[in-house]
Amino acid sequence: MKKLLGIIFLSFMLNGNALSEEIIIDCENAKYKYVNDGTNVLAYSSNNKRDKGKWHRWPYPGVTEDNKHFLKSLEGGETIIDGYKVTSKSKKLVHLNGDTAKNSNMTIDFKKLTRKGKGTWKGKPYNFTKKCKLVKS
């Protein structure tokens, strides 16, 4: 009986990753990854040209080791995760090349496969909704 319980317990421990969920979508010039390991939900991004296939946390918690190759500063950043929707809000975001976003708000919906954003980029207002393609689910 002890052996049987030990085998069942061990199989649950080894199958822990089987409960995790990963969704990758391609939104024209960037890919986004949704990862739910059963306890945490995290999102990642990879710009097709700039990041060369490397993933970094998205929304940005600030300038970190994995995004310092393009991000200079971030003010008033906020992350909202609601089910399969991940929203990034910021008051001011400055890239190393000087490009600046103000009052930006971007939402990636990993179920509806959409990317929506609005704010000011390089001094001009923007508002868009784009369809994305499912890469992996």
N, C-alpha and C. Protein backbone atom coordinates (compact mmCIF):
# COMPACT_ATOMS: atom_id res chain seq x y z
N MET A 1 0.83 -1.20 0.00
CA MET A 1 0.00 0.00 0.00
C MET A 1 0.87 1.26 0.00
N LYS A 2 1.95 1.23 0.79
CA LYS A 2 2.85 2.38 0.83
C LYS A 2 3.49 2.62 -0.53
N LYS A 3 3.85 1.53 -1.21
CA LYS A 3 4.45 1.66 -2.54
C LYS A 3 3.46 2.28 -3.53
N LEU A 4 2.22 1.84 -3.46
CA LEU A 4 1.20 2.37 -4.36
C LEU A 4 0.99 3.86 -4.12
N LEU A 5 0.89 4.28 -2.87
CA LEU A 5 0.74 5.69 -2.55
C LEU A 5 1.97 6.49 -2.97
N GLY A 6 3.14 5.90 -2.80
CA GLY A 6 4.38 6.56 -3.23
C GLY A 6 4.41 6.76 -4.73
N ILE A 7 3.97 5.77 -5.49
CA ILE A 7 3.93 5.88 -6.95
C ILE A 7 2.94 6.95 -7.39
N ILE A 8 1.77 6.97 -6.75
CA ILE A 8 0.76 7.98 -7.10
C ILE A 8 1.28 9.37 -6.78
N PHE A 9 1.88 9.55 -5.61
CA PHE A 9 2.43 10.85 -5.22
C PHE A 9 3.51 11.29 -6.19
N LEU A 10 4.43 10.39 -6.53
CA LEU A 10 5.51 10.70 -7.45
C LEU A 10 4.97 11.08 -8.83
N SER A 11 3.95 10.39 -9.30
CA SER A 11 3.40 10.70 -10.62
C SER A 11 2.76 12.09 -10.63
N PHE A 12 2.11 12.49 -9.52
CA PHE A 12 1.57 13.84 -9.44
C PHE A 12 2.68 14.88 -9.45
N MET A 13 3.77 14.60 -8.77
CA MET A 13 4.89 15.54 -8.73
C MET A 13 5.51 15.69 -10.12
N LEU A 14 5.66 14.60 -10.84
CA LEU A 14 6.28 14.65 -12.16
C LEU A 14 5.35 15.26 -13.21
N ASN A 15 4.05 15.18 -13.00
CA ASN A 15 3.09 15.72 -13.97
C ASN A 15 2.71 17.15 -13.67
N GLY A 16 3.37 17.81 -12.76
CA GLY A 16 3.04 19.18 -12.39
C GLY A 16 3.07 20.13 -13.56
N ASN A 17 4.04 19.97 -14.46
CA ASN A 17 4.14 20.85 -15.62
C ASN A 17 3.07 20.57 -16.66
N ALA A 18 2.43 19.41 -16.59
CA ALA A 18 1.38 19.10 -17.54
C ALA A 18 0.18 20.01 -17.34
N LEU A 19 0.06 20.61 -16.18
CA LEU A 19 -1.04 21.51 -15.90
C LEU A 19 -0.78 22.93 -16.39
N SER A 20 0.44 23.21 -16.82
CA SER A 20 0.76 24.56 -17.27
C SER A 20 0.19 24.80 -18.67
N GLU A 21 -0.04 26.06 -18.96
CA GLU A 21 -0.62 26.45 -20.25
C GLU A 21 0.26 27.51 -20.89
N GLU A 22 0.50 27.36 -22.18
CA GLU A 22 1.30 28.32 -22.91
C GLU A 22 0.62 28.63 -24.23
N ILE A 23 0.43 29.91 -24.51
CA ILE A 23 -0.17 30.37 -25.77
C ILE A 23 0.79 31.38 -26.39
N ILE A 24 1.11 31.19 -27.65
CA ILE A 24 1.95 32.14 -28.38
C ILE A 24 1.16 32.65 -29.57
N ILE A 25 1.13 33.99 -29.71
CA ILE A 25 0.45 34.60 -30.84
C ILE A 25 1.41 35.54 -31.57
N ASP A 26 1.21 35.66 -32.88
CA ASP A 26 2.02 36.53 -33.72
C ASP A 26 1.16 37.71 -34.15
N CYS A 27 1.59 38.90 -33.75
CA CYS A 27 0.85 40.13 -34.04
C CYS A 27 1.66 41.02 -34.96
N GLU A 28 1.84 40.60 -36.18
CA GLU A 28 2.52 41.36 -37.22
C GLU A 28 4.01 41.52 -36.95
N ASN A 29 4.43 42.48 -36.13
CA ASN A 29 5.85 42.73 -35.93
C ASN A 29 6.37 42.22 -34.58
N ALA A 30 5.52 41.58 -33.80
CA ALA A 30 5.94 41.06 -32.50
C ALA A 30 5.14 39.82 -32.15
N LYS A 31 5.75 38.98 -31.33
CA LYS A 31 5.07 37.80 -30.81
C LYS A 31 4.86 37.99 -29.32
N TYR A 32 3.78 37.42 -28.81
CA TYR A 32 3.46 37.49 -27.39
C TYR A 32 3.19 36.09 -26.88
N LYS A 33 3.66 35.86 -25.65
CA LYS A 33 3.52 34.54 -25.04
C LYS A 33 2.81 34.68 -23.70
N TYR A 34 1.79 33.85 -23.49
CA TYR A 34 1.02 33.78 -22.25
C TYR A 34 1.40 32.48 -21.56
N VAL A 35 1.83 32.55 -20.31
CA VAL A 35 2.23 31.35 -19.58
C VAL A 35 1.49 31.32 -18.24
N ASN A 36 0.72 30.26 -18.02
CA ASN A 36 0.03 30.05 -16.76
C ASN A 36 0.51 28.71 -16.21
N ASP A 37 1.28 28.76 -15.11
CA ASP A 37 1.83 27.53 -14.54
C ASP A 37 0.95 26.96 -13.42
N GLY A 38 -0.25 27.49 -13.28
CA GLY A 38 -1.16 27.03 -12.24
C GLY A 38 -1.13 27.91 -11.01
N THR A 39 -0.03 28.64 -10.80
CA THR A 39 0.06 29.56 -9.67
C THR A 39 0.29 31.00 -10.12
N ASN A 40 0.99 31.19 -11.22
CA ASN A 40 1.29 32.53 -11.75
C ASN A 40 0.90 32.61 -13.21
N VAL A 41 0.50 33.80 -13.62
CA VAL A 41 0.29 34.10 -15.04
C VAL A 41 1.31 35.16 -15.42
N LEU A 42 2.13 34.86 -16.42
CA LEU A 42 3.14 35.80 -16.90
C LEU A 42 2.98 35.96 -18.41
N ALA A 43 3.38 37.10 -18.92
CA ALA A 43 3.35 37.34 -20.35
C ALA A 43 4.74 37.79 -20.80
N TYR A 44 5.06 37.46 -22.03
CA TYR A 44 6.36 37.79 -22.61
C TYR A 44 6.14 38.36 -24.01
N SER A 45 7.14 39.07 -24.51
CA SER A 45 7.08 39.65 -25.84
C SER A 45 8.42 39.45 -26.53
N SER A 46 8.37 39.42 -27.85
CA SER A 46 9.58 39.36 -28.64
C SER A 46 9.34 40.10 -29.95
N ASN A 47 10.02 41.23 -30.13
CA ASN A 47 9.92 42.00 -31.36
C ASN A 47 10.68 41.25 -32.44
N ASN A 48 10.07 41.05 -33.60
CA ASN A 48 10.66 40.23 -34.64
C ASN A 48 12.02 40.73 -35.10
N LYS A 49 12.22 42.05 -35.24
CA LYS A 49 13.50 42.59 -35.71
C LYS A 49 14.48 42.85 -34.57
N ARG A 50 14.02 43.52 -33.55
CA ARG A 50 14.90 44.00 -32.48
C ARG A 50 15.39 42.87 -31.55
N ASP A 51 14.53 41.94 -31.18
CA ASP A 51 14.87 40.95 -30.16
C ASP A 51 15.47 39.66 -30.71
N LYS A 52 15.38 39.46 -32.00
CA LYS A 52 15.99 38.30 -32.66
C LYS A 52 15.60 36.97 -31.99
N GLY A 53 14.33 36.83 -31.67
CA GLY A 53 13.83 35.58 -31.11
C GLY A 53 13.93 35.44 -29.60
N LYS A 54 14.54 36.40 -28.92
CA LYS A 54 14.65 36.33 -27.46
C LYS A 54 13.39 36.93 -26.83
N TRP A 55 12.91 36.30 -25.78
CA TRP A 55 11.72 36.76 -25.08
C TRP A 55 12.11 37.64 -23.89
N HIS A 56 11.27 38.62 -23.59
CA HIS A 56 11.42 39.44 -22.38
C HIS A 56 10.05 39.61 -21.75
N ARG A 57 10.04 39.87 -20.43
CA ARG A 57 8.77 40.07 -19.73
C ARG A 57 8.02 41.22 -20.36
N TRP A 58 6.74 41.04 -20.50
CA TRP A 58 5.86 42.08 -20.97
C TRP A 58 4.57 41.98 -20.19
N PRO A 59 3.95 42.97 -19.75
CA PRO A 59 4.37 44.35 -19.77
C PRO A 59 5.64 44.55 -18.94
N TYR A 60 6.37 45.58 -19.30
CA TYR A 60 7.65 45.84 -18.65
C TYR A 60 7.43 46.27 -17.21
N PRO A 61 8.11 45.62 -16.27
CA PRO A 61 8.04 46.08 -14.88
C PRO A 61 8.94 47.29 -14.66
N GLY A 62 9.72 47.64 -15.65
CA GLY A 62 10.70 48.72 -15.59
C GLY A 62 11.88 48.29 -16.44
N VAL A 63 12.98 49.01 -16.34
CA VAL A 63 14.19 48.62 -17.08
C VAL A 63 14.82 47.46 -16.33
N THR A 64 14.94 46.33 -17.00
CA THR A 64 15.50 45.12 -16.40
C THR A 64 16.58 44.54 -17.32
N GLU A 65 17.21 43.49 -16.86
CA GLU A 65 18.29 42.86 -17.61
C GLU A 65 17.82 42.40 -18.99
N ASP A 66 16.59 41.89 -19.09
CA ASP A 66 16.14 41.35 -20.37
C ASP A 66 15.56 42.38 -21.34
N ASN A 67 15.39 43.65 -20.92
CA ASN A 67 14.89 44.65 -21.86
C ASN A 67 15.76 45.90 -21.96
N LYS A 68 16.89 45.91 -21.29
CA LYS A 68 17.75 47.10 -21.30
C LYS A 68 18.40 47.36 -22.66
N HIS A 69 18.30 46.40 -23.59
CA HIS A 69 18.84 46.61 -24.93
C HIS A 69 17.96 47.54 -25.78
N PHE A 70 16.77 47.88 -25.30
CA PHE A 70 15.92 48.82 -26.05
C PHE A 70 15.17 49.81 -25.16
N LEU A 71 15.03 49.55 -23.86
CA LEU A 71 14.23 50.40 -22.99
C LEU A 71 15.12 51.29 -22.12
N LYS A 72 14.89 52.60 -22.18
CA LYS A 72 15.67 53.55 -21.39
C LYS A 72 14.99 53.85 -20.05
N SER A 73 13.67 54.11 -20.09
CA SER A 73 12.96 54.40 -18.83
C SER A 73 11.47 54.14 -18.99
N LEU A 74 10.82 53.96 -17.83
CA LEU A 74 9.39 53.73 -17.78
C LEU A 74 8.84 54.42 -16.55
N GLU A 75 7.82 55.25 -16.74
CA GLU A 75 7.19 55.95 -15.62
C GLU A 75 5.72 55.57 -15.56
N GLY A 76 5.24 55.32 -14.34
CA GLY A 76 3.82 55.05 -14.13
C GLY A 76 3.34 53.78 -14.78
N GLY A 77 4.17 52.74 -14.79
CA GLY A 77 3.79 51.48 -15.41
C GLY A 77 2.83 50.68 -14.55
N GLU A 78 1.86 50.04 -15.21
CA GLU A 78 0.87 49.21 -14.52
C GLU A 78 0.56 48.00 -15.39
N THR A 79 0.43 46.84 -14.76
CA THR A 79 0.08 45.61 -15.45
C THR A 79 -1.25 45.11 -14.91
N ILE A 80 -2.16 44.77 -15.81
CA ILE A 80 -3.45 44.21 -15.41
C ILE A 80 -3.63 42.89 -16.15
N ILE A 81 -3.81 41.82 -15.39
CA ILE A 81 -4.05 40.50 -15.99
C ILE A 81 -5.46 40.07 -15.58
N ASP A 82 -6.31 39.90 -16.58
CA ASP A 82 -7.70 39.52 -16.36
C ASP A 82 -8.01 38.32 -17.25
N GLY A 83 -7.85 37.13 -16.70
CA GLY A 83 -8.05 35.93 -17.51
C GLY A 83 -6.99 35.84 -18.59
N TYR A 84 -7.42 35.84 -19.84
CA TYR A 84 -6.50 35.75 -20.97
C TYR A 84 -6.17 37.11 -21.56
N LYS A 85 -6.59 38.19 -20.89
CA LYS A 85 -6.27 39.55 -21.34
C LYS A 85 -5.15 40.11 -20.47
N VAL A 86 -4.10 40.61 -21.12
CA VAL A 86 -2.98 41.24 -20.42
C VAL A 86 -2.89 42.67 -20.92
N THR A 87 -2.96 43.63 -19.98
CA THR A 87 -2.95 45.04 -20.32
C THR A 87 -1.73 45.72 -19.72
N SER A 88 -1.09 46.54 -20.52
CA SER A 88 0.04 47.36 -20.08
C SER A 88 -0.36 48.81 -20.17
N LYS A 89 -0.19 49.53 -19.06
CA LYS A 89 -0.45 50.97 -19.05
C LYS A 89 0.82 51.67 -18.58
N SER A 90 1.11 52.83 -19.16
CA SER A 90 2.24 53.61 -18.69
C SER A 90 2.01 55.08 -18.98
N LYS A 91 2.57 55.92 -18.11
CA LYS A 91 2.49 57.37 -18.31
C LYS A 91 3.51 57.80 -19.35
N LYS A 92 4.73 57.25 -19.24
CA LYS A 92 5.78 57.62 -20.19
C LYS A 92 6.77 56.45 -20.33
N LEU A 93 7.04 56.10 -21.58
CA LEU A 93 7.96 55.01 -21.90
C LEU A 93 8.96 55.55 -22.91
N VAL A 94 10.25 55.45 -22.60
CA VAL A 94 11.29 55.98 -23.49
C VAL A 94 12.22 54.86 -23.92
N HIS A 95 12.38 54.74 -25.25
CA HIS A 95 13.31 53.75 -25.81
C HIS A 95 14.69 54.36 -25.90
N LEU A 96 15.70 53.52 -26.02
CA LEU A 96 17.09 54.00 -26.13
C LEU A 96 17.29 54.90 -27.35
N ASN A 97 16.55 54.66 -28.42
CA ASN A 97 16.70 55.47 -29.63
C ASN A 97 15.97 56.81 -29.52
N GLY A 98 15.32 57.08 -28.38
CA GLY A 98 14.64 58.35 -28.17
C GLY A 98 13.15 58.32 -28.43
N ASP A 99 12.66 57.27 -29.08
CA ASP A 99 11.22 57.16 -29.31
C ASP A 99 10.49 57.12 -27.97
N THR A 100 9.39 57.87 -27.89
CA THR A 100 8.67 58.01 -26.62
C THR A 100 7.19 57.74 -26.81
N ALA A 101 6.63 57.00 -25.85
CA ALA A 101 5.18 56.77 -25.79
C ALA A 101 4.67 57.43 -24.52
N LYS A 102 3.54 58.12 -24.63
CA LYS A 102 2.94 58.76 -23.46
C LYS A 102 1.50 58.29 -23.33
N ASN A 103 1.08 58.11 -22.07
CA ASN A 103 -0.28 57.67 -21.76
C ASN A 103 -0.70 56.48 -22.61
N SER A 104 0.19 55.51 -22.69
CA SER A 104 -0.08 54.35 -23.54
C SER A 104 -0.86 53.29 -22.79
N ASN A 105 -1.65 52.56 -23.56
CA ASN A 105 -2.49 51.50 -23.03
C ASN A 105 -2.57 50.44 -24.12
N MET A 106 -2.02 49.26 -23.86
CA MET A 106 -2.06 48.19 -24.84
C MET A 106 -2.59 46.92 -24.19
N THR A 107 -3.52 46.25 -24.87
CA THR A 107 -4.11 45.02 -24.37
C THR A 107 -3.93 43.91 -25.39
N ILE A 108 -3.40 42.79 -24.92
CA ILE A 108 -3.27 41.59 -25.74
C ILE A 108 -4.32 40.61 -25.23
N ASP A 109 -5.20 40.15 -26.10
CA ASP A 109 -6.22 39.17 -25.74
C ASP A 109 -5.80 37.84 -26.37
N PHE A 110 -5.37 36.91 -25.53
CA PHE A 110 -4.84 35.64 -26.03
C PHE A 110 -5.93 34.66 -26.45
N LYS A 111 -7.19 34.93 -26.14
CA LYS A 111 -8.30 34.09 -26.59
C LYS A 111 -8.90 34.63 -27.88
N LYS A 112 -9.11 35.95 -27.95
CA LYS A 112 -9.68 36.56 -29.15
C LYS A 112 -8.61 36.83 -30.20
N LEU A 113 -7.34 36.64 -29.83
CA LEU A 113 -6.21 36.84 -30.74
C LEU A 113 -6.18 38.26 -31.30
N THR A 114 -6.23 39.24 -30.39
CA THR A 114 -6.19 40.64 -30.80
C THR A 114 -5.17 41.42 -29.98
N ARG A 115 -4.72 42.51 -30.56
CA ARG A 115 -3.85 43.49 -29.89
C ARG A 115 -4.47 44.86 -30.11
N LYS A 116 -4.78 45.54 -28.99
CA LYS A 116 -5.40 46.86 -29.06
C LYS A 116 -4.51 47.84 -28.32
N GLY A 117 -4.38 49.05 -28.87
CA GLY A 117 -3.56 50.04 -28.20
C GLY A 117 -4.01 51.45 -28.50
N LYS A 118 -3.70 52.34 -27.56
CA LYS A 118 -3.95 53.76 -27.78
C LYS A 118 -3.00 54.55 -26.91
N GLY A 119 -2.74 55.78 -27.32
CA GLY A 119 -1.83 56.65 -26.59
C GLY A 119 -1.20 57.65 -27.55
N THR A 120 -0.01 58.08 -27.21
CA THR A 120 0.74 59.01 -28.06
C THR A 120 2.11 58.41 -28.31
N TRP A 121 2.51 58.30 -29.58
CA TRP A 121 3.80 57.73 -29.97
C TRP A 121 4.53 58.75 -30.83
N LYS A 122 5.72 59.13 -30.41
CA LYS A 122 6.52 60.13 -31.13
C LYS A 122 5.73 61.42 -31.31
N GLY A 123 4.93 61.78 -30.32
CA GLY A 123 4.18 63.02 -30.35
C GLY A 123 2.87 62.98 -31.11
N LYS A 124 2.51 61.83 -31.69
CA LYS A 124 1.28 61.72 -32.47
C LYS A 124 0.35 60.70 -31.81
N PRO A 125 -0.94 61.01 -31.75
CA PRO A 125 -1.88 60.07 -31.15
C PRO A 125 -2.06 58.83 -32.03
N TYR A 126 -2.29 57.71 -31.38
CA TYR A 126 -2.57 56.47 -32.12
C TYR A 126 -3.68 55.71 -31.42
N ASN A 127 -4.39 54.91 -32.19
CA ASN A 127 -5.46 54.07 -31.68
C ASN A 127 -5.63 52.95 -32.70
N PHE A 128 -5.38 51.71 -32.31
CA PHE A 128 -5.45 50.62 -33.27
C PHE A 128 -6.01 49.36 -32.65
N THR A 129 -6.52 48.49 -33.52
CA THR A 129 -6.93 47.15 -33.16
C THR A 129 -6.42 46.26 -34.28
N LYS A 130 -5.64 45.25 -33.91
CA LYS A 130 -5.07 44.34 -34.91
C LYS A 130 -5.40 42.90 -34.57
N LYS A 131 -5.61 42.12 -35.59
CA LYS A 131 -5.81 40.69 -35.42
C LYS A 131 -4.44 40.02 -35.39
N CYS A 132 -4.33 38.98 -34.57
CA CYS A 132 -3.09 38.22 -34.45
C CYS A 132 -3.35 36.79 -34.91
N LYS A 133 -2.27 36.04 -35.09
CA LYS A 133 -2.38 34.65 -35.50
C LYS A 133 -1.88 33.75 -34.38
N LEU A 134 -2.58 32.67 -34.16
CA LEU A 134 -2.16 31.69 -33.15
C LEU A 134 -0.96 30.91 -33.67
N VAL A 135 0.11 30.88 -32.89
CA VAL A 135 1.32 30.14 -33.26
C VAL A 135 1.35 28.81 -32.52
N LYS A 136 1.04 28.88 -31.20
CA LYS A 136 1.07 27.67 -30.38
C LYS A 136 0.05 27.80 -29.27
N SER A 137 -0.64 26.71 -29.00
CA SER A 137 -1.61 26.70 -27.90
C SER A 137 -1.48 25.42 -27.12
